[in-house]
């Protein structure tokens, strides 16, 4: 039967697959790289207790270990949901009462373990265990991003300008650079005089115009 037998197509596929599986470790060894195949588990303390209700967390800030503030909503898409702010103290979470019902809270950033700003339909300030309505910044109603500096203040931006919170009041609005994209805005501040703002605009699939990414830096006075 067989000296002149032609290999079947399934046999050829099995042979090619085996060759590829053999080629990968050979290439790794040839490159001089050593690949670790295991992870080393590390314990993280404190361990937060599980929340018994249906929470959806949209953002969290942890200015110190074991002192985190999380924001989101309670409920499901099939039921009426409500905005929630949670505070972690050690190994448990507690819900912080809102000063009034709110449809949403989207982001949180902190200058310290007991001083945070919450971005939502109305801006809130978490201070010494309580939430109060914050004087709104001189920005558009739709505010895009927020970030705070530990031990310092907070910067907030909308689609066209920014304002700085010094712990007492907001600064006058400062225009963003011309051409800065207004969507999917991300903000990160290292110090009061060093922030990075990144925004994107999605391209249309199948169209000749690709997506665009723009960015700008804050020096404490201007972009």
Protein backbone atom coordinates (compact mmCIF):
# COMPACT_ATOMS: atom_id res chain seq x y z
CA UNK A 1 0.00 0.00 0.00
CA UNK A 2 2.18 2.55 0.33
CA UNK A 3 5.51 3.60 -0.77
CA UNK A 4 3.95 5.83 -3.38
CA UNK A 5 1.01 6.99 -1.26
CA UNK A 6 0.28 10.72 -1.35
CA UNK A 7 -0.16 12.32 2.12
CA UNK A 8 -3.73 13.38 2.86
CA UNK A 9 -4.65 17.04 3.29
CA UNK A 10 -5.49 16.44 6.97
CA UNK A 11 -2.07 14.88 7.49
CA UNK A 12 -0.40 17.88 5.88
CA UNK A 13 -2.33 20.26 8.17
CA UNK A 14 -1.29 18.28 11.23
CA UNK A 15 2.30 18.40 10.09
CA UNK A 16 2.25 22.16 9.52
CA UNK A 17 0.62 22.72 12.95
CA UNK A 18 3.29 20.64 14.68
CA UNK A 19 6.02 22.55 12.85
CA UNK A 20 4.60 25.90 14.00
CA UNK A 21 4.35 24.72 17.61
CA UNK A 22 7.97 23.59 17.46
CA UNK A 23 9.13 26.81 15.80
CA UNK A 24 7.91 29.13 18.59
CA UNK A 25 10.13 27.79 21.42
CA UNK A 26 13.07 27.52 19.01
CA UNK A 27 12.72 31.21 18.10
CA UNK A 28 12.48 32.17 21.77
CA UNK A 29 15.62 30.20 22.63
CA UNK A 30 17.45 31.59 19.63
CA UNK A 31 16.66 35.16 20.70
CA UNK A 32 18.14 34.56 24.15
CA UNK A 33 14.85 35.40 25.92
CA UNK A 34 13.57 33.49 28.91
CA UNK A 35 9.80 33.37 29.24
CA UNK A 36 8.33 32.84 32.72
CA UNK A 37 5.23 30.66 32.54
CA UNK A 38 3.82 31.35 35.99
CA UNK A 39 2.53 34.27 38.06
CA UNK A 40 3.46 34.83 41.68
CA UNK A 41 0.38 35.73 43.75
CA UNK A 42 0.67 38.75 46.00
CA UNK A 43 -1.70 39.55 48.86
CA UNK A 44 -3.26 43.01 48.82
CA UNK A 45 -4.35 44.57 52.11
CA UNK A 46 -6.84 45.63 53.17
CA UNK A 47 -9.28 43.26 51.52
CA UNK A 48 -12.56 45.03 50.81
CA UNK A 49 -15.75 43.25 51.80
CA UNK A 50 -18.12 42.30 48.98
CA UNK A 51 -21.04 44.65 48.42
CA UNK A 52 -24.41 42.90 48.83
CA UNK A 53 -26.37 45.03 46.36
CA UNK A 54 -26.13 45.55 42.58
CA UNK A 55 -23.55 48.30 42.29
CA UNK A 56 -21.97 49.54 39.07
CA UNK A 57 -18.79 51.48 39.82
CA UNK A 58 -17.74 54.04 37.19
CA UNK A 59 -14.67 55.49 38.93
CA UNK A 60 -12.61 55.14 42.10
CA UNK A 61 -9.90 57.22 43.78
CA UNK A 62 -7.53 55.98 46.49
CA UNK A 63 -5.41 58.83 47.90
CA UNK A 64 -4.19 56.52 50.66
CA UNK A 65 -4.23 52.73 51.18
CA UNK A 66 -7.56 51.69 52.61
CA UNK A 67 -9.11 55.15 52.10
CA UNK A 68 -10.90 55.02 48.75
CA UNK A 69 -13.94 56.80 47.36
CA UNK A 70 -15.93 55.12 44.58
CA UNK A 71 -18.81 56.49 42.52
CA UNK A 72 -21.41 54.79 40.35
CA UNK A 73 -25.01 53.69 40.55
CA UNK A 74 -27.21 51.20 42.35
CA UNK A 75 -29.68 49.19 40.31
CA UNK A 76 -29.86 47.56 36.88
CA UNK A 77 -30.93 48.58 33.42
CA UNK A 78 -34.25 46.86 34.05
CA UNK A 79 -34.88 48.85 37.24
CA UNK A 80 -34.59 52.46 38.25
CA UNK A 81 -30.99 53.19 39.18
CA UNK A 82 -29.70 55.86 41.53
CA UNK A 83 -26.36 57.56 41.94
CA UNK A 84 -24.18 56.35 44.81
CA UNK A 85 -20.94 57.40 46.49
CA UNK A 86 -19.09 54.77 48.52
CA UNK A 87 -16.29 55.25 51.04
CA UNK A 88 -13.82 52.52 51.97
CA UNK A 89 -12.52 52.58 55.51
CA UNK A 90 -10.18 49.69 56.18
CA UNK A 91 -11.79 46.44 55.01
CA UNK A 92 -15.37 47.60 54.45
CA UNK A 93 -17.37 49.95 52.26
CA UNK A 94 -20.04 52.37 53.45
CA UNK A 95 -22.50 54.36 51.40
CA UNK A 96 -22.18 58.13 51.85
CA UNK A 97 -25.57 59.91 51.90
CA UNK A 98 -26.13 62.27 48.97
CA UNK A 99 -27.29 65.81 49.79
CA UNK A 100 -30.09 65.35 47.21
CA UNK A 101 -31.12 62.68 44.67
CA UNK A 102 -28.97 62.74 41.54
CA UNK A 103 -29.36 60.90 38.24
CA UNK A 104 -25.65 60.12 37.95
CA UNK A 105 -22.14 60.58 39.28
CA UNK A 106 -19.40 59.74 36.80
CA UNK A 107 -15.95 60.48 38.18
CA UNK A 108 -14.07 61.18 41.40
CA UNK A 109 -10.62 62.54 42.22
CA UNK A 110 -9.06 63.43 45.57
CA UNK A 111 -6.56 65.88 47.01
CA UNK A 112 -6.42 63.81 50.22
CA UNK A 113 -8.11 60.91 52.06
CA UNK A 114 -11.00 63.09 53.23
CA UNK A 115 -11.22 65.68 50.46
CA UNK A 116 -12.49 64.63 47.02
CA UNK A 117 -14.46 66.16 44.18
CA UNK A 118 -17.21 64.15 42.47
CA UNK A 119 -18.17 64.90 38.88
CA UNK A 120 -21.83 64.38 37.98
CA UNK A 121 -25.06 66.09 37.06
CA UNK A 122 -24.12 68.37 39.95
CA UNK A 123 -20.56 68.52 41.27
CA UNK A 124 -20.14 67.34 44.85
CA UNK A 125 -17.41 67.65 47.43
CA UNK A 126 -16.64 64.82 49.84
CA UNK A 127 -15.06 66.37 52.92
CA UNK A 128 -14.68 64.93 56.43
CA UNK A 129 -17.21 62.17 55.81
CA UNK A 130 -19.95 64.28 54.23
CA UNK A 131 -21.06 65.18 50.71
CA UNK A 132 -22.11 68.72 49.84
CA UNK A 133 -23.08 70.39 46.58
CA UNK A 134 -20.04 72.19 45.17
CA UNK A 135 -20.27 75.63 43.66
CA UNK A 136 -20.27 74.87 39.91
CA UNK A 137 -17.21 75.82 37.86
CA UNK A 138 -17.59 78.51 35.16
CA UNK A 139 -17.81 75.83 32.46
CA UNK A 140 -20.43 74.30 30.19
CA UNK A 141 -23.08 72.08 31.75
CA UNK A 142 -21.47 69.02 30.15
CA UNK A 143 -18.11 68.76 31.92
CA UNK A 144 -15.79 66.21 30.40
CA UNK A 145 -12.98 65.38 32.82
CA UNK A 146 -11.62 66.02 36.31
CA UNK A 147 -8.34 65.35 38.08
CA UNK A 148 -6.89 66.47 41.42
CA UNK A 149 -3.37 66.81 42.77
CA UNK A 150 -2.63 65.27 46.19
CA UNK A 151 -2.20 68.10 48.64
CA UNK A 152 -3.15 70.63 45.96
CA UNK A 153 -6.18 71.54 43.89
CA UNK A 154 -8.26 70.13 41.04
CA UNK A 155 -8.57 70.84 37.33
CA UNK A 156 -11.82 70.38 35.43
CA UNK A 157 -12.41 70.70 31.69
CA UNK A 158 -15.35 70.86 29.32
CA UNK A 159 -15.27 70.75 25.53
CA UNK A 160 -13.74 74.23 25.16
CA UNK A 161 -12.16 75.45 28.42
CA UNK A 162 -10.88 74.56 31.89
CA UNK A 163 -11.09 75.86 35.45
CA UNK A 164 -8.94 75.26 38.54
CA UNK A 165 -10.30 74.57 42.04
CA UNK A 166 -7.95 75.75 44.82
CA UNK A 167 -10.00 74.28 47.66
CA UNK A 168 -12.11 77.40 48.10
CA UNK A 169 -13.12 78.76 44.69
CA UNK A 170 -12.87 78.15 40.96
CA UNK A 171 -10.59 80.18 38.73
CA UNK A 172 -11.80 82.02 35.66
CA UNK A 173 -12.14 79.72 32.62
CA UNK A 174 -9.07 79.22 30.44
CA UNK A 175 -9.72 78.31 26.78
CA UNK A 176 -8.40 75.02 25.45
CA UNK A 177 -6.16 75.19 22.36
CA UNK A 178 -7.89 75.56 19.02
CA UNK A 179 -8.38 72.19 17.34
CA UNK A 180 -8.59 70.20 20.59
CA UNK A 181 -11.05 67.34 20.06
CA UNK A 182 -14.14 67.53 22.32
CA UNK A 183 -14.86 63.80 22.77
CA UNK A 184 -13.47 60.97 24.90
CA UNK A 185 -11.47 63.44 26.99
CA UNK A 186 -8.91 62.09 29.48
CA UNK A 187 -7.07 64.28 32.01
CA UNK A 188 -4.17 63.50 34.32
CA UNK A 189 -2.29 65.93 36.59
CA UNK A 190 1.10 65.22 38.16
CA UNK A 191 1.38 68.62 39.87
CA UNK A 192 -0.52 71.90 39.92
CA UNK A 193 1.61 73.08 37.01
CA UNK A 194 1.77 69.87 34.98
CA UNK A 195 -1.35 68.25 33.49
CA UNK A 196 -1.92 66.31 30.29
CA UNK A 197 -5.19 66.43 28.38
CA UNK A 198 -5.85 63.85 25.66
CA UNK A 199 -8.95 63.62 23.47
CA UNK A 200 -9.99 61.57 20.48
CA UNK A 201 -12.40 61.70 17.61
CA UNK A 202 -13.48 58.40 16.12
CA UNK A 203 -12.99 57.89 12.43
CA UNK A 204 -15.80 56.49 10.29
CA UNK A 205 -15.19 52.92 9.21
CA UNK A 206 -14.94 52.68 5.44
CA UNK A 207 -14.45 56.44 5.02
CA UNK A 208 -11.15 58.05 4.01
CA UNK A 209 -11.00 60.18 7.20
CA UNK A 210 -9.20 58.31 10.04
CA UNK A 211 -9.70 58.93 13.74
CA UNK A 212 -7.81 61.81 15.33
CA UNK A 213 -5.97 62.09 18.66
CA UNK A 214 -5.09 65.50 20.10
CA UNK A 215 -3.36 66.48 23.33
CA UNK A 216 -2.23 69.54 25.26
CA UNK A 217 -0.30 70.27 28.48
CA UNK A 218 -1.26 72.61 31.31
CA UNK A 219 1.49 74.70 32.94
CA UNK A 220 -0.60 76.13 35.75
CA UNK A 221 -1.69 79.18 33.74
CA UNK A 222 -2.30 78.24 30.12
CA UNK A 223 -2.57 75.27 27.77
